[in-house]
């Protein structure tokens, strides 16, 4: 199973020069926990709710003044849509990240998370088990 089979193709993005307040409002509006940060069409980083709370608010910074660039995680690790999800999961685990923006030919085309992979593996396991159950009947 490949990343392209489980990724979300609607990626929430924000520019690196936006304020933390703007990032939080965008996350709330889109009901997401992270935004891929882009600058001049290139993936520059990722900002998560953890970054907002721990790196900005928890550090006593003013979210109306702070910009995304200052608190985002960068460099961002990306995945290719044809990468096997087990390889991607291993990479994510090694690097301590829970999401990978998916880039193909320099273009952001999706994002994959551990939960995407977990749901896909759960479906696969259920499909395999139901096949075994039908055989034994």
N, C-alpha and C. Protein backbone atom coordinates (compact mmCIF):
# COMPACT_ATOMS: atom_id res chain seq x y z
N UNK A 1 0.85 -1.17 0.00
CA UNK A 1 0.00 0.00 0.00
C UNK A 1 0.90 1.24 0.00
N UNK A 2 0.55 2.19 -0.82
CA UNK A 2 1.36 3.40 -1.00
C UNK A 2 0.73 4.60 -0.29
N UNK A 3 1.55 5.62 -0.06
CA UNK A 3 1.06 6.85 0.56
C UNK A 3 -0.13 7.40 -0.21
N UNK A 4 -0.08 7.38 -1.53
CA UNK A 4 -1.17 7.95 -2.32
C UNK A 4 -2.51 7.26 -2.06
N UNK A 5 -2.46 6.01 -1.59
CA UNK A 5 -3.69 5.26 -1.30
C UNK A 5 -4.37 5.70 -0.01
N UNK A 6 -3.63 6.35 0.88
CA UNK A 6 -4.18 6.69 2.20
C UNK A 6 -4.11 8.18 2.53
N UNK A 7 -3.42 8.97 1.72
CA UNK A 7 -3.23 10.38 2.05
C UNK A 7 -4.53 11.17 1.87
N UNK A 8 -4.56 12.31 2.49
CA UNK A 8 -5.63 13.29 2.31
C UNK A 8 -5.14 14.26 1.24
N UNK A 9 -5.96 14.46 0.21
CA UNK A 9 -5.48 15.33 -0.87
C UNK A 9 -5.88 16.80 -0.68
N UNK A 10 -6.66 17.07 0.33
CA UNK A 10 -6.98 18.46 0.66
C UNK A 10 -6.07 18.89 1.80
N UNK A 11 -5.09 19.71 1.46
CA UNK A 11 -4.09 20.12 2.44
C UNK A 11 -4.34 21.56 2.84
N UNK A 12 -4.43 21.78 4.14
CA UNK A 12 -4.58 23.13 4.67
C UNK A 12 -3.20 23.78 4.72
N UNK A 13 -3.10 24.97 4.15
CA UNK A 13 -1.81 25.67 4.10
C UNK A 13 -1.95 27.08 4.65
N UNK A 14 -0.79 27.66 4.91
CA UNK A 14 -0.72 29.05 5.36
C UNK A 14 0.65 29.59 4.96
N UNK A 15 0.74 30.89 4.79
CA UNK A 15 2.02 31.52 4.50
C UNK A 15 2.82 31.72 5.77
N UNK A 16 4.13 31.74 5.64
CA UNK A 16 5.00 31.84 6.81
C UNK A 16 4.96 33.21 7.48
N UNK A 17 4.44 34.22 6.80
CA UNK A 17 4.40 35.56 7.37
C UNK A 17 3.09 35.88 8.09
N UNK A 18 2.16 34.92 8.16
CA UNK A 18 0.92 35.13 8.89
C UNK A 18 1.17 35.05 10.40
N UNK A 19 0.29 35.67 11.17
CA UNK A 19 0.44 35.63 12.63
C UNK A 19 -0.06 34.30 13.18
N UNK A 20 0.34 34.02 14.39
CA UNK A 20 -0.11 32.82 15.09
C UNK A 20 -1.63 32.87 15.28
N UNK A 21 -2.18 34.03 15.55
CA UNK A 21 -3.63 34.18 15.69
C UNK A 21 -4.32 33.79 14.38
N UNK A 22 -3.77 34.23 13.26
CA UNK A 22 -4.34 33.88 11.95
C UNK A 22 -4.25 32.37 11.71
N UNK A 23 -3.14 31.75 12.11
CA UNK A 23 -2.97 30.31 11.96
C UNK A 23 -4.00 29.56 12.81
N UNK A 24 -4.18 29.99 14.05
CA UNK A 24 -5.15 29.35 14.93
C UNK A 24 -6.57 29.49 14.37
N UNK A 25 -6.90 30.65 13.86
CA UNK A 25 -8.22 30.87 13.28
C UNK A 25 -8.43 29.98 12.05
N UNK A 26 -7.40 29.83 11.24
CA UNK A 26 -7.51 28.98 10.04
C UNK A 26 -7.68 27.52 10.44
N UNK A 27 -6.93 27.06 11.46
CA UNK A 27 -7.09 25.70 11.94
C UNK A 27 -8.51 25.46 12.44
N UNK A 28 -9.03 26.40 13.21
CA UNK A 28 -10.39 26.28 13.73
C UNK A 28 -11.40 26.25 12.59
N UNK A 29 -11.25 27.15 11.63
CA UNK A 29 -12.16 27.25 10.49
C UNK A 29 -12.19 25.94 9.68
N UNK A 30 -11.01 25.35 9.48
CA UNK A 30 -10.91 24.14 8.66
C UNK A 30 -10.99 22.86 9.47
N UNK A 31 -11.06 22.99 10.80
CA UNK A 31 -11.12 21.85 11.71
C UNK A 31 -9.95 20.88 11.49
N UNK A 32 -8.73 21.46 11.53
CA UNK A 32 -7.51 20.68 11.36
C UNK A 32 -6.54 20.98 12.50
N UNK A 33 -5.59 20.08 12.69
CA UNK A 33 -4.60 20.25 13.75
C UNK A 33 -3.25 20.71 13.27
N UNK A 34 -3.13 20.92 11.95
CA UNK A 34 -1.86 21.39 11.41
C UNK A 34 -2.09 22.12 10.10
N UNK A 35 -1.13 22.95 9.76
CA UNK A 35 -1.12 23.66 8.48
C UNK A 35 0.26 23.50 7.87
N UNK A 36 0.30 23.17 6.60
CA UNK A 36 1.57 23.14 5.89
C UNK A 36 1.92 24.58 5.55
N UNK A 37 3.13 24.97 5.85
CA UNK A 37 3.57 26.35 5.63
C UNK A 37 4.26 26.42 4.28
N UNK A 38 3.77 27.34 3.45
CA UNK A 38 4.33 27.50 2.11
C UNK A 38 4.86 28.92 1.93
N UNK A 39 5.90 29.00 1.13
CA UNK A 39 6.47 30.31 0.78
C UNK A 39 6.87 30.24 -0.67
N UNK A 40 6.31 31.14 -1.46
CA UNK A 40 6.58 31.17 -2.90
C UNK A 40 6.35 29.80 -3.54
N UNK A 41 5.26 29.14 -3.12
CA UNK A 41 4.88 27.86 -3.70
C UNK A 41 5.62 26.65 -3.19
N UNK A 42 6.61 26.85 -2.34
CA UNK A 42 7.42 25.74 -1.81
C UNK A 42 7.01 25.43 -0.37
N UNK A 43 7.06 24.14 -0.03
CA UNK A 43 6.80 23.74 1.35
C UNK A 43 7.98 24.17 2.20
N UNK A 44 7.70 24.98 3.21
CA UNK A 44 8.75 25.54 4.05
C UNK A 44 8.76 24.93 5.45
N UNK A 45 7.61 24.48 5.90
CA UNK A 45 7.51 23.92 7.24
C UNK A 45 6.11 23.43 7.51
N UNK A 46 5.86 23.13 8.77
CA UNK A 46 4.52 22.73 9.21
C UNK A 46 4.31 23.32 10.59
N UNK A 47 3.10 23.78 10.84
CA UNK A 47 2.78 24.30 12.16
C UNK A 47 1.58 23.53 12.69
N UNK A 48 1.68 23.11 13.93
CA UNK A 48 0.65 22.29 14.56
C UNK A 48 0.07 23.02 15.77
N UNK A 49 -1.00 22.48 16.30
CA UNK A 49 -1.58 23.07 17.50
C UNK A 49 -0.57 23.05 18.64
N UNK A 50 0.28 22.01 18.67
CA UNK A 50 1.32 21.94 19.69
C UNK A 50 2.29 23.12 19.54
N UNK A 51 2.66 23.44 18.31
CA UNK A 51 3.56 24.58 18.07
C UNK A 51 2.93 25.87 18.57
N UNK A 52 1.62 26.03 18.31
CA UNK A 52 0.93 27.24 18.75
C UNK A 52 0.95 27.37 20.26
N UNK A 53 0.63 26.27 20.93
CA UNK A 53 0.51 26.34 22.39
C UNK A 53 1.86 26.31 23.11
N UNK A 54 2.73 25.40 22.72
CA UNK A 54 3.99 25.23 23.45
C UNK A 54 5.06 26.24 23.02
N UNK A 55 5.20 26.45 21.74
CA UNK A 55 6.28 27.31 21.26
C UNK A 55 5.94 28.79 21.32
N UNK A 56 4.66 29.11 21.20
CA UNK A 56 4.28 30.53 21.22
C UNK A 56 3.64 30.90 22.56
N UNK A 57 2.44 30.43 22.81
CA UNK A 57 1.72 30.82 24.03
C UNK A 57 2.44 30.38 25.29
N UNK A 58 2.88 29.13 25.31
CA UNK A 58 3.56 28.61 26.50
C UNK A 58 4.88 29.30 26.79
N UNK A 59 5.47 29.89 25.77
CA UNK A 59 6.73 30.61 25.95
C UNK A 59 6.50 32.09 26.27
N UNK A 60 5.21 32.46 26.40
CA UNK A 60 4.89 33.84 26.77
C UNK A 60 4.92 34.84 25.63
N UNK A 61 4.90 34.35 24.40
CA UNK A 61 4.91 35.26 23.25
C UNK A 61 3.50 35.73 22.91
N UNK A 62 3.41 36.87 22.28
CA UNK A 62 2.13 37.44 21.88
C UNK A 62 1.70 36.86 20.53
N UNK A 63 0.62 36.09 20.49
CA UNK A 63 0.19 35.47 19.24
C UNK A 63 -0.29 36.46 18.18
N UNK A 64 -0.57 37.69 18.61
CA UNK A 64 -0.96 38.72 17.65
C UNK A 64 0.26 39.29 16.92
N UNK A 65 1.42 39.14 17.55
CA UNK A 65 2.65 39.69 16.99
C UNK A 65 3.55 38.63 16.35
N UNK A 66 3.52 37.43 16.89
CA UNK A 66 4.40 36.36 16.39
C UNK A 66 3.93 35.87 15.02
N UNK A 67 4.90 35.56 14.19
CA UNK A 67 4.57 35.02 12.87
C UNK A 67 4.83 33.52 12.83
N UNK A 68 4.15 32.86 11.92
CA UNK A 68 4.23 31.41 11.77
C UNK A 68 5.67 30.96 11.61
N UNK A 69 6.45 31.68 10.81
CA UNK A 69 7.84 31.30 10.54
C UNK A 69 8.63 31.07 11.82
N UNK A 70 8.36 31.87 12.82
CA UNK A 70 9.12 31.81 14.07
C UNK A 70 8.81 30.54 14.89
N UNK A 71 7.63 29.95 14.71
CA UNK A 71 7.20 28.84 15.56
C UNK A 71 6.93 27.54 14.81
N UNK A 72 7.06 27.53 13.51
CA UNK A 72 6.79 26.31 12.74
C UNK A 72 7.93 25.30 12.89
N UNK A 73 7.64 24.06 12.57
CA UNK A 73 8.67 23.02 12.54
C UNK A 73 9.30 23.03 11.15
N UNK A 74 10.60 23.16 11.12
CA UNK A 74 11.32 23.21 9.86
C UNK A 74 12.76 22.78 10.11
N UNK A 75 13.39 22.08 9.20
CA UNK A 75 12.88 21.69 7.89
C UNK A 75 11.79 20.63 8.04
N UNK A 76 10.87 20.66 7.12
CA UNK A 76 9.77 19.70 7.14
C UNK A 76 10.20 18.46 6.37
N UNK A 77 9.82 17.31 6.90
CA UNK A 77 10.07 16.05 6.21
C UNK A 77 8.87 15.78 5.32
N UNK A 78 9.12 15.41 4.08
CA UNK A 78 8.03 15.15 3.14
C UNK A 78 8.10 13.72 2.65
N UNK A 79 6.99 13.28 2.09
CA UNK A 79 6.93 11.94 1.51
C UNK A 79 6.56 12.02 0.05
N UNK A 80 6.84 10.96 -0.67
CA UNK A 80 6.47 10.84 -2.08
C UNK A 80 5.24 9.94 -2.15
N UNK A 81 4.31 10.22 -3.05
CA UNK A 81 3.08 9.43 -3.10
C UNK A 81 3.29 7.93 -3.37
N UNK A 82 4.41 7.56 -3.97
CA UNK A 82 4.65 6.15 -4.27
C UNK A 82 5.45 5.42 -3.19
N UNK A 83 5.71 6.09 -2.07
CA UNK A 83 6.40 5.45 -0.96
C UNK A 83 5.45 4.50 -0.25
N UNK A 84 5.94 3.32 0.12
CA UNK A 84 5.16 2.35 0.86
C UNK A 84 4.81 2.93 2.23
N UNK A 85 3.59 2.69 2.72
CA UNK A 85 3.18 3.31 3.98
C UNK A 85 3.97 2.77 5.17
N UNK A 86 4.45 1.55 5.11
CA UNK A 86 5.26 1.05 6.22
C UNK A 86 6.59 1.77 6.27
N UNK A 87 7.16 2.05 5.11
CA UNK A 87 8.41 2.84 5.06
C UNK A 87 8.15 4.26 5.57
N UNK A 88 7.02 4.84 5.17
CA UNK A 88 6.68 6.19 5.62
C UNK A 88 6.47 6.21 7.14
N UNK A 89 5.80 5.19 7.67
CA UNK A 89 5.57 5.12 9.12
C UNK A 89 6.90 5.01 9.86
N UNK A 90 7.81 4.23 9.31
CA UNK A 90 9.14 4.09 9.93
C UNK A 90 9.86 5.44 9.93
N UNK A 91 9.83 6.14 8.81
CA UNK A 91 10.46 7.46 8.70
C UNK A 91 9.84 8.43 9.71
N UNK A 92 8.51 8.44 9.80
CA UNK A 92 7.83 9.33 10.72
C UNK A 92 8.22 9.02 12.16
N UNK A 93 8.29 7.75 12.48
CA UNK A 93 8.66 7.33 13.84
C UNK A 93 10.09 7.75 14.16
N UNK A 94 11.01 7.52 13.22
CA UNK A 94 12.41 7.90 13.42
C UNK A 94 12.57 9.40 13.65
N UNK A 95 11.80 10.18 12.92
CA UNK A 95 11.95 11.64 12.97
C UNK A 95 11.03 12.31 13.97
N UNK A 96 10.18 11.51 14.62
CA UNK A 96 9.31 12.06 15.65
C UNK A 96 8.23 12.98 15.12
N UNK A 97 7.71 12.67 13.93
CA UNK A 97 6.63 13.48 13.37
C UNK A 97 5.40 12.62 13.17
N UNK A 98 4.24 13.24 13.19
CA UNK A 98 2.99 12.49 13.04
C UNK A 98 2.30 12.74 11.70
N UNK A 99 2.86 13.67 10.92
CA UNK A 99 2.29 14.00 9.62
C UNK A 99 3.42 14.21 8.61
N UNK A 100 3.16 13.79 7.38
CA UNK A 100 4.11 14.04 6.29
C UNK A 100 3.38 14.72 5.14
N UNK A 101 3.78 15.95 4.80
CA UNK A 101 3.26 16.52 3.56
C UNK A 101 3.75 15.64 2.40
N UNK A 102 2.90 15.47 1.40
CA UNK A 102 3.23 14.61 0.25
C UNK A 102 3.51 15.52 -0.94
N UNK A 103 4.72 15.35 -1.49
CA UNK A 103 5.18 16.20 -2.59
C UNK A 103 5.54 15.34 -3.79
N UNK A 104 5.07 15.77 -4.96
CA UNK A 104 5.41 15.09 -6.20
C UNK A 104 5.80 16.14 -7.23
N UNK A 105 6.96 15.97 -7.82
CA UNK A 105 7.48 16.92 -8.81
C UNK A 105 7.47 18.35 -8.27
N UNK A 106 7.85 18.51 -7.00
CA UNK A 106 7.93 19.82 -6.38
C UNK A 106 6.60 20.42 -5.98
N UNK A 107 5.50 19.70 -6.19
CA UNK A 107 4.16 20.20 -5.90
C UNK A 107 3.56 19.49 -4.69
N UNK A 108 3.01 20.26 -3.76
CA UNK A 108 2.31 19.69 -2.61
C UNK A 108 0.99 19.09 -3.10
N UNK A 109 0.82 17.77 -2.92
CA UNK A 109 -0.39 17.12 -3.42
C UNK A 109 -1.22 16.46 -2.33
N UNK A 110 -0.71 16.43 -1.10
CA UNK A 110 -1.47 15.79 -0.04
C UNK A 110 -0.72 15.82 1.27
N UNK A 111 -1.32 15.15 2.25
CA UNK A 111 -0.68 14.99 3.55
C UNK A 111 -1.11 13.63 4.09
N UNK A 112 -0.21 12.96 4.78
CA UNK A 112 -0.52 11.67 5.37
C UNK A 112 -0.17 11.72 6.85
N UNK A 113 -1.02 11.08 7.65
CA UNK A 113 -0.80 11.06 9.10
C UNK A 113 -0.79 9.61 9.57
N UNK A 114 -0.32 9.43 10.81
CA UNK A 114 -0.38 8.09 11.39
C UNK A 114 -1.82 7.58 11.42
N UNK A 115 -2.77 8.47 11.68
CA UNK A 115 -4.17 8.00 11.73
C UNK A 115 -4.65 7.56 10.36
N UNK A 116 -4.23 8.23 9.28
CA UNK A 116 -4.57 7.75 7.93
C UNK A 116 -4.07 6.33 7.73
N UNK A 117 -2.80 6.12 8.12
CA UNK A 117 -2.18 4.81 7.94
C UNK A 117 -2.85 3.75 8.81
N UNK A 118 -3.17 4.12 10.03
CA UNK A 118 -3.79 3.18 10.96
C UNK A 118 -5.15 2.72 10.45
N UNK A 119 -5.96 3.66 9.97
CA UNK A 119 -7.27 3.30 9.42
C UNK A 119 -7.13 2.39 8.21
N UNK A 120 -6.16 2.68 7.34
CA UNK A 120 -5.95 1.85 6.16
C UNK A 120 -5.51 0.44 6.54
N UNK A 121 -4.61 0.35 7.50
CA UNK A 121 -4.14 -0.97 7.95
C UNK A 121 -5.27 -1.73 8.63
N UNK A 122 -6.12 -1.05 9.37
CA UNK A 122 -7.26 -1.68 10.02
C UNK A 122 -8.21 -2.26 8.97
N UNK A 123 -8.50 -1.47 7.92
CA UNK A 123 -9.37 -1.96 6.84
C UNK A 123 -8.75 -3.18 6.16
N UNK A 124 -7.46 -3.11 5.89
CA UNK A 124 -6.76 -4.22 5.25
C UNK A 124 -6.84 -5.48 6.11
N UNK A 125 -6.59 -5.32 7.40
CA UNK A 125 -6.65 -6.46 8.32
C UNK A 125 -8.05 -7.06 8.34
N UNK A 126 -9.08 -6.22 8.44
CA UNK A 126 -10.46 -6.72 8.45
C UNK A 126 -10.79 -7.44 7.15
N UNK A 127 -10.35 -6.88 6.02
CA UNK A 127 -10.60 -7.53 4.72
C UNK A 127 -9.92 -8.89 4.65
N UNK A 128 -8.68 -8.96 5.12
CA UNK A 128 -7.95 -10.23 5.11
C UNK A 128 -8.62 -11.26 6.01
N UNK A 129 -9.00 -10.84 7.20
CA UNK A 129 -9.64 -11.76 8.13
C UNK A 129 -10.99 -12.25 7.63
N UNK A 130 -11.75 -11.36 7.00
CA UNK A 130 -13.05 -11.79 6.48
C UNK A 130 -12.85 -12.79 5.34
N UNK A 131 -11.78 -12.65 4.58
CA UNK A 131 -11.46 -13.64 3.54
C UNK A 131 -11.17 -15.00 4.14
N UNK A 132 -10.44 -15.03 5.26
CA UNK A 132 -10.14 -16.29 5.94
C UNK A 132 -11.40 -16.90 6.51
N UNK A 133 -12.27 -16.07 7.06
CA UNK A 133 -13.52 -16.57 7.65
C UNK A 133 -14.39 -17.20 6.58
N UNK A 134 -14.48 -16.60 5.40
CA UNK A 134 -15.28 -17.17 4.32
C UNK A 134 -14.71 -18.51 3.87
N UNK A 135 -13.40 -18.63 3.87
CA UNK A 135 -12.76 -19.89 3.46
C UNK A 135 -13.09 -21.02 4.42
N UNK A 136 -13.18 -20.70 5.72
CA UNK A 136 -13.37 -21.75 6.71
C UNK A 136 -14.83 -22.17 6.84
N UNK A 137 -15.73 -21.43 6.23
CA UNK A 137 -17.16 -21.78 6.32
C UNK A 137 -17.52 -22.91 5.41
